[in-house]
Protein backbone atom coordinates (compact mmCIF):
# COMPACT_ATOMS: atom_id res chain seq x y z
CA MET A 1 16.13 -118.07 -26.48
CA ARG A 2 18.82 -115.35 -27.34
CA ALA A 3 16.84 -114.58 -30.68
CA THR A 4 13.53 -114.08 -28.67
CA LEU A 5 15.35 -111.93 -26.08
CA LEU A 6 17.04 -109.68 -28.79
CA SER A 7 13.61 -109.40 -30.63
CA LEU A 8 11.86 -108.34 -27.44
CA LEU A 9 14.62 -105.68 -26.78
CA LEU A 10 14.28 -104.51 -30.42
CA LEU A 11 10.49 -104.18 -29.78
CA LEU A 12 10.71 -102.23 -26.68
CA ALA A 13 13.40 -99.93 -28.02
CA ARG A 14 11.89 -96.70 -29.24
CA PRO A 15 13.40 -93.63 -30.61
CA ALA A 16 13.88 -90.75 -28.14
CA ALA A 17 10.61 -88.55 -28.16
CA ALA A 18 11.20 -85.17 -29.56
CA THR A 19 9.92 -82.07 -28.19
CA GLN A 20 7.19 -80.22 -30.18
CA VAL A 21 7.06 -76.68 -31.06
CA LEU A 22 5.20 -74.54 -33.46
CA ALA A 23 6.86 -74.32 -36.90
CA MET A 24 7.69 -70.45 -37.18
CA SER A 25 9.54 -68.47 -39.72
CA VAL A 26 11.86 -65.87 -38.53
CA GLU A 27 9.12 -63.31 -39.03
CA GLU A 28 6.57 -65.42 -36.93
CA THR A 29 9.20 -65.90 -34.15
CA THR A 30 9.81 -62.16 -34.13
CA ASP A 31 6.05 -61.44 -33.77
CA ALA A 32 5.92 -64.05 -30.96
CA ALA A 33 8.78 -62.72 -29.00
CA GLU A 34 8.40 -59.69 -26.67
CA LEU A 35 12.09 -59.07 -27.03
CA VAL A 36 14.89 -59.84 -29.37
CA VAL A 37 18.45 -59.40 -28.62
CA ARG A 38 22.01 -59.92 -29.77
CA GLY A 39 24.64 -60.67 -27.32
CA THR A 40 27.34 -62.70 -25.77
CA VAL A 41 26.72 -65.47 -23.07
CA GLU A 42 28.93 -64.56 -19.99
CA GLY A 43 28.20 -67.42 -17.84
CA VAL A 44 25.76 -70.34 -17.08
CA ARG A 45 24.79 -71.95 -13.96
CA THR A 46 22.17 -74.53 -13.06
CA VAL A 47 19.59 -74.61 -10.34
CA ARG A 48 16.62 -76.33 -8.97
CA PRO A 49 13.93 -73.85 -8.56
CA ASP A 50 11.84 -73.82 -5.69
CA THR A 51 8.77 -73.13 -7.72
CA ALA A 52 9.22 -76.54 -9.71
CA PRO A 53 10.42 -79.29 -7.52
CA GLY A 54 12.20 -82.00 -9.50
CA ARG A 55 13.22 -79.69 -12.27
CA ILE A 56 16.62 -78.58 -13.20
CA VAL A 57 17.00 -75.29 -15.21
CA THR A 58 20.11 -73.38 -16.53
CA LEU A 59 20.43 -69.70 -16.04
CA ALA A 60 22.37 -68.13 -18.67
CA THR A 61 23.72 -64.45 -18.21
CA VAL A 62 23.82 -62.62 -21.54
CA ARG A 63 25.61 -59.29 -22.14
CA VAL A 64 23.23 -57.41 -24.54
CA SER A 65 25.05 -55.73 -27.64
CA ALA A 66 21.99 -54.73 -29.46
CA THR A 67 18.27 -54.90 -28.80
CA LEU A 68 16.48 -55.68 -31.99
CA LYS A 69 12.92 -55.70 -30.73
CA GLY A 70 11.30 -54.50 -27.44
CA HIS A 71 13.11 -52.98 -24.60
CA ALA A 72 16.04 -54.62 -22.74
CA ALA A 73 15.58 -53.24 -19.00
CA ALA A 74 19.40 -53.77 -18.53
CA SER A 75 22.74 -54.45 -20.41
CA THR A 76 22.72 -58.02 -19.03
CA LEU A 77 19.79 -60.27 -18.99
CA VAL A 78 19.25 -63.75 -17.27
CA VAL A 79 17.63 -66.16 -19.66
CA THR A 80 16.04 -69.51 -18.11
CA VAL A 81 16.67 -72.55 -20.37
CA PRO A 82 14.97 -75.98 -19.30
CA GLY A 83 17.35 -78.83 -18.41
CA GLY A 84 20.81 -78.86 -17.22
CA GLN A 85 23.15 -80.54 -14.84
CA ASP A 86 23.20 -80.11 -11.00
CA GLY A 87 25.76 -82.29 -9.50
CA ARG A 88 25.10 -85.94 -10.01
CA PHE A 89 21.64 -85.05 -11.45
CA ALA A 90 20.98 -83.96 -15.02
CA GLN A 91 17.90 -83.04 -16.81
CA VAL A 92 17.79 -83.26 -20.75
CA VAL A 93 14.97 -81.45 -22.54
CA ALA A 94 15.30 -82.21 -26.21
CA GLY A 95 15.30 -79.28 -28.36
CA ALA A 96 16.34 -76.88 -25.47
CA PRO A 97 18.80 -74.15 -26.60
CA GLN A 98 22.52 -74.99 -25.62
CA LEU A 99 24.24 -72.04 -24.30
CA SER A 100 27.85 -71.77 -23.18
CA PRO A 101 30.10 -69.11 -21.96
CA GLY A 102 31.36 -67.03 -25.03
CA ASP A 103 28.77 -67.89 -27.48
CA GLU A 104 27.46 -64.92 -29.64
CA VAL A 105 23.74 -65.32 -29.92
CA VAL A 106 20.57 -63.80 -31.33
CA LEU A 107 17.84 -64.71 -28.91
CA PHE A 108 13.92 -64.39 -29.15
CA LEU A 109 12.72 -63.93 -25.68
CA GLU A 110 9.43 -63.75 -23.80
CA ARG A 111 8.50 -63.41 -20.15
CA VAL A 112 6.60 -66.38 -18.57
CA THR A 113 3.78 -65.70 -16.42
CA ARG A 114 5.39 -66.77 -13.11
CA PRO A 115 6.17 -64.57 -10.03
CA ASP A 116 9.67 -64.45 -11.05
CA GLY A 117 8.81 -63.22 -14.48
CA ALA A 118 11.60 -65.16 -16.17
CA LEU A 119 12.79 -64.62 -19.51
CA VAL A 120 12.67 -67.77 -21.66
CA VAL A 121 13.52 -68.49 -25.27
CA THR A 122 10.47 -68.41 -27.50
CA GLY A 123 9.95 -71.75 -29.14
CA LEU A 124 13.09 -73.37 -27.59
CA ALA A 125 15.84 -73.87 -30.14
CA VAL A 126 13.60 -72.35 -32.88
CA GLY A 127 14.36 -68.82 -30.93
CA CYS A 128 18.07 -69.17 -30.45
CA TRP A 129 20.50 -68.33 -33.16
CA HIS A 130 24.26 -68.93 -32.61
CA VAL A 131 26.51 -66.55 -34.51
CA GLY A 132 29.67 -67.89 -36.06
CA PRO A 133 32.26 -67.76 -38.83
CA PRO A 134 31.02 -68.18 -42.50
CA PRO A 135 31.32 -71.68 -43.93
CA ALA A 136 33.38 -70.13 -46.68
CA ALA A 137 34.29 -66.65 -47.80
CA GLY A 138 31.28 -64.47 -47.07
CA PRO A 139 29.22 -63.02 -44.34
CA THR A 140 29.06 -64.32 -40.76
CA HIS A 141 26.45 -66.95 -40.37
CA ALA A 142 23.75 -67.47 -37.71
CA VAL A 143 22.55 -71.11 -36.98
CA SER A 144 19.50 -72.33 -35.18
CA ARG A 145 20.43 -75.68 -33.84
CA ARG A 146 17.05 -77.54 -33.85
CA ARG A 147 18.04 -81.10 -33.21
CA GLY A 148 15.57 -83.02 -30.91
CA LEU A 149 12.67 -80.74 -31.99
CA THR A 150 9.68 -81.76 -33.91
CA LEU A 151 7.91 -78.83 -35.53
CA VAL A 152 4.16 -78.89 -35.65
CA GLN A 153 2.61 -77.31 -38.97
CA PRO A 154 -0.99 -76.56 -38.46
CA ASP A 155 -3.68 -76.89 -41.24
CA LEU A 156 -4.95 -73.38 -41.07
CA ALA A 157 -8.00 -74.53 -43.23
CA GLY A 158 -8.87 -77.08 -40.34
CA VAL A 159 -9.22 -79.83 -43.05
CA ARG A 160 -6.64 -82.16 -41.66
CA ALA A 161 -4.54 -82.99 -38.71
CA PRO A 162 -1.42 -80.88 -38.38
CA SER A 163 1.81 -82.11 -39.80
CA LEU A 164 4.77 -83.06 -37.81
CA ILE A 165 8.03 -82.37 -39.37
CA PRO A 166 11.55 -83.46 -37.85
CA ALA A 167 13.49 -80.22 -37.23
CA ILE A 168 16.96 -79.63 -39.14
CA ASP A 169 19.44 -76.78 -38.20
CA VAL A 170 18.72 -73.73 -40.16
CA GLN A 171 21.48 -71.52 -41.15
CA LEU A 172 21.30 -67.94 -42.66
CA PRO A 173 23.88 -65.15 -43.18
CA LEU A 174 23.70 -62.93 -40.16
CA PRO A 175 22.90 -59.76 -42.20
CA GLU A 176 19.83 -61.59 -43.50
CA LEU A 177 18.63 -62.62 -40.16
CA LEU A 178 19.05 -59.26 -38.74
CA SER A 179 17.26 -57.70 -41.66
CA ARG A 180 14.31 -59.96 -41.43
CA ILE A 181 14.07 -59.37 -37.70
CA ALA A 182 14.26 -55.48 -38.12
CA GLY A 183 11.63 -55.56 -41.05
CA GLN A 184 9.10 -57.48 -38.86
CA ALA A 185 9.86 -55.71 -35.82
CA THR A 186 9.07 -52.47 -37.76
CA LYS A 187 5.81 -53.85 -38.98
CA GLY A 188 4.80 -54.82 -35.65
CA ASN A 189 5.31 -51.55 -34.20
CA ARG A 190 2.96 -49.73 -36.57
């Protein structure tokens, strides 16, 4: 009986579903974003939007230190991230960026087509890079923490189904990340 129950539980246990987003390089993410900024998260708060009953979102206030693409209308921006904790209730969105006060970040942002025109991170965690100390002697690094995402790699020839690739964290020297963004933003402005 115990073996049957254990077998049944193992059959029913499935890995948590990952959120699927389009696999994008830094350059493709730059193209997809309306605005790319470097800044520091000053605060976060969670809310339950009136426009989406049952949902919880986190609003992160980011002080902009540099605009890398587009035009930041103010020195601080409010970025909407899906999920969060509101009192006793929590909503987890796999692959959503995790932002905490004090985080230095590079964010690829776009406006959603809602009445509030909220800014969201392009490609969830793909468009969020945390800036931190180098792993060893060398330049400061930036890390895109992509746990919980599955990257969809389309077949551009249309011959086979898209590939699904479990995402791994990506780390780049900060100067390289900023250079790639600047190079692509310049190409897009021609």
